[in-house]
Protein backbone atom coordinates (compact mmCIF):
# COMPACT_ATOMS: atom_id res chain seq x y z
CA UNK A 1 -9.76 -15.75 16.29
CA UNK A 2 -10.90 -12.23 15.67
CA UNK A 3 -12.01 -13.12 12.15
CA UNK A 4 -14.31 -15.85 13.48
CA UNK A 5 -15.80 -13.45 16.02
CA UNK A 6 -16.36 -10.81 13.33
CA UNK A 7 -18.04 -13.41 11.09
CA UNK A 8 -20.33 -14.48 13.95
CA UNK A 9 -21.32 -10.87 14.63
CA UNK A 10 -21.90 -10.35 10.91
CA UNK A 11 -24.20 -13.38 10.76
CA UNK A 12 -26.16 -12.21 13.80
CA UNK A 13 -26.41 -8.50 12.97
CA UNK A 14 -26.72 -8.63 9.19
CA UNK A 15 -28.90 -11.69 8.62
CA UNK A 16 -30.75 -9.96 5.78
CA UNK A 17 -27.60 -9.44 3.73
CA UNK A 18 -26.38 -12.08 1.27
CA UNK A 19 -23.31 -14.01 2.47
CA UNK A 20 -20.93 -12.34 -0.03
CA UNK A 21 -21.95 -8.91 1.31
CA UNK A 22 -21.49 -10.04 4.92
CA UNK A 23 -18.07 -11.46 4.02
CA UNK A 24 -17.11 -8.14 2.37
CA UNK A 25 -18.18 -6.21 5.50
CA UNK A 26 -16.11 -8.48 7.75
CA UNK A 27 -13.09 -8.08 5.47
CA UNK A 28 -13.45 -4.29 5.38
CA UNK A 29 -13.77 -4.14 9.18
CA UNK A 30 -10.60 -6.21 9.65
CA UNK A 31 -8.74 -4.06 7.11
CA UNK A 32 -9.76 -0.95 9.02
CA UNK A 33 -8.59 -2.40 12.32
CA UNK A 34 -5.33 -4.04 11.27
CA UNK A 35 -4.52 -3.12 7.70
CA UNK A 36 -4.38 -0.15 5.40
CA UNK A 37 -8.12 0.49 5.20
CA UNK A 38 -9.42 1.25 1.70
CA UNK A 39 -5.86 1.11 0.30
CA UNK A 40 -5.61 -2.59 1.06
CA UNK A 41 -7.01 -3.69 -2.31
CA UNK A 42 -4.51 -1.55 -4.24
CA UNK A 43 -1.57 -2.78 -2.16
CA UNK A 44 -2.66 -6.37 -2.83
CA UNK A 45 -2.56 -5.79 -6.61
CA UNK A 46 0.90 -6.95 -7.78
CA UNK A 47 0.63 -4.75 -10.90
CA UNK A 48 0.21 -1.57 -8.79
CA UNK A 49 3.54 0.29 -8.78
CA UNK A 50 2.40 3.62 -7.31
CA UNK A 51 -0.69 4.78 -5.46
CA UNK A 52 -1.40 8.47 -4.96
CA UNK A 53 -4.00 9.77 -2.51
CA UNK A 54 -5.02 13.35 -3.33
CA UNK A 55 -7.54 13.72 -0.54
CA UNK A 56 -10.29 11.44 0.76
CA UNK A 57 -12.25 11.30 -2.50
CA UNK A 58 -9.47 10.81 -5.04
CA UNK A 59 -7.07 7.89 -5.22
CA UNK A 60 -5.19 7.11 -8.42
CA UNK A 61 -2.92 4.19 -9.32
CA UNK A 62 -0.09 3.59 -11.76
CA UNK A 63 0.27 0.00 -12.78
CA UNK A 64 2.98 -1.80 -14.78
CA UNK A 65 2.00 -0.01 -18.00
CA UNK A 66 2.93 3.36 -16.52
CA UNK A 67 -0.40 5.11 -16.94
CA UNK A 68 -2.11 6.86 -14.00
CA UNK A 69 -5.73 5.75 -13.64
CA UNK A 70 -8.51 6.75 -11.23
CA UNK A 71 -9.77 4.11 -8.80
CA UNK A 72 -13.00 3.49 -6.95
CA UNK A 73 -11.08 3.63 -3.65
CA UNK A 74 -12.30 6.41 -1.37
CA UNK A 75 -12.08 7.37 2.26
CA UNK A 76 -15.21 8.33 4.21
CA UNK A 77 -13.83 11.80 4.93
CA UNK A 78 -10.63 13.65 5.80
CA UNK A 79 -10.70 12.26 9.36
CA UNK A 80 -10.79 8.69 8.03
CA UNK A 81 -7.84 9.42 5.71
CA UNK A 82 -5.82 10.98 8.52
CA UNK A 83 -6.59 8.02 10.84
CA UNK A 84 -5.32 5.53 8.22
CA UNK A 85 -2.19 7.64 7.64
CA UNK A 86 -1.60 7.82 11.39
CA UNK A 87 -1.85 4.03 11.64
CA UNK A 88 0.56 3.67 8.69
CA UNK A 89 3.10 6.07 10.23
CA UNK A 90 2.89 4.31 13.59
CA UNK A 91 3.60 0.85 12.19
CA UNK A 92 6.16 1.67 9.50
CA UNK A 93 9.91 2.06 9.47
CA UNK A 94 10.99 5.71 9.24
CA UNK A 95 13.19 6.49 6.24
CA UNK A 96 13.37 10.27 6.31
CA UNK A 97 12.69 12.95 8.90
CA UNK A 98 9.30 13.60 10.44
CA UNK A 99 8.43 17.29 10.62
CA UNK A 100 5.92 18.38 13.25
CA UNK A 101 4.74 21.83 12.09
CA UNK A 102 3.35 20.46 8.85
CA UNK A 103 3.27 16.73 9.26
CA UNK A 104 5.57 15.21 6.69
CA UNK A 105 6.73 11.64 6.87
CA UNK A 106 8.72 9.25 4.72
CA UNK A 107 8.31 5.64 5.83
CA UNK A 108 8.80 2.10 4.54
CA UNK A 109 5.78 -0.17 4.98
CA UNK A 110 6.10 -3.89 5.73
CA UNK A 111 4.18 -4.65 2.50
CA UNK A 112 6.99 -3.36 0.26
CA UNK A 113 5.65 0.15 -0.34
CA UNK A 114 7.30 3.39 0.69
CA UNK A 115 5.04 6.28 1.70
CA UNK A 116 5.72 9.98 1.50
CA UNK A 117 2.90 11.97 3.11
CA UNK A 118 2.14 15.63 3.56
CA UNK A 119 -0.56 16.34 6.13
CA UNK A 120 -1.22 20.07 6.52
CA UNK A 121 -2.66 21.46 9.77
CA UNK A 122 -6.45 21.11 9.90
CA UNK A 123 -6.75 24.91 10.22
CA UNK A 124 -5.66 25.20 6.57
CA UNK A 125 -8.62 23.05 5.46
CA UNK A 126 -6.41 21.31 2.88
CA UNK A 127 -6.53 17.55 2.34
CA UNK A 128 -3.72 15.22 3.25
CA UNK A 129 -1.82 13.85 0.27
CA UNK A 130 0.36 10.80 0.12
CA UNK A 131 2.26 8.89 -2.51
CA UNK A 132 3.00 5.18 -2.13
CA UNK A 133 5.69 3.61 -4.31
CA UNK A 134 6.32 -0.12 -4.48
CA UNK A 135 10.03 -0.50 -3.88
CA UNK A 136 11.78 -2.62 -6.47
CA UNK A 137 14.09 -5.41 -5.44
CA UNK A 138 17.68 -4.84 -6.47
CA UNK A 139 18.91 -7.45 -8.98
CA UNK A 140 21.83 -9.61 -7.99
CA UNK A 141 25.19 -8.21 -9.11
CA UNK A 142 26.76 -9.69 -12.23
CA UNK A 143 29.39 -12.38 -11.65
CA UNK A 144 32.89 -10.92 -11.23
CA UNK A 145 34.68 -13.75 -13.02
CA UNK A 146 33.68 -12.42 -16.45
CA UNK A 147 30.96 -15.03 -17.06
CA UNK A 148 28.10 -13.67 -19.16
CA UNK A 149 25.54 -15.69 -17.21
CA UNK A 150 25.76 -17.64 -13.95
CA UNK A 151 26.70 -21.22 -14.73
CA UNK A 152 28.23 -20.36 -18.14
CA UNK A 153 31.96 -20.22 -18.75
CA UNK A 154 33.64 -16.84 -19.14
CA UNK A 155 33.36 -17.00 -22.92
CA UNK A 156 29.57 -16.98 -22.61
CA UNK A 157 29.04 -20.21 -24.56
CA UNK A 158 27.39 -23.23 -23.00
CA UNK A 159 28.88 -25.68 -25.50
CA UNK A 160 32.55 -26.52 -25.68
CA UNK A 161 34.70 -24.96 -28.43
């Protein structure tokens, strides 16, 4: 597998690094190739509800408690950020329109997040920004027979009379 090959290369090329550091490098390389790059760790956090990228050096997260907090997640530079966004747009399901003059896309990612990105032309020298929102699952509709809870009679009491 590709992971095994990457681990072998890591062992050969980075012998001086401790094993946890080599493992981290292999994981980061695989995330860059097949995942969401530096955003991967935030997407893996089940408490993360929204992630906002405000350029390559600033990524903030809103977790279950509703408070926006800075993260240590960063992109190498604007080119790195745009490459990750390009990969995301290529492998996601379009939800809204894609505008070409100023790149704007609204897509649904396979990991349960929805992304809305604004990528201005490079000539403007403005960073790309994107907001990721974890889509909530819709609760099952209430029973139509008047029962207060599935499995309970219509009166809502589990015990007879």
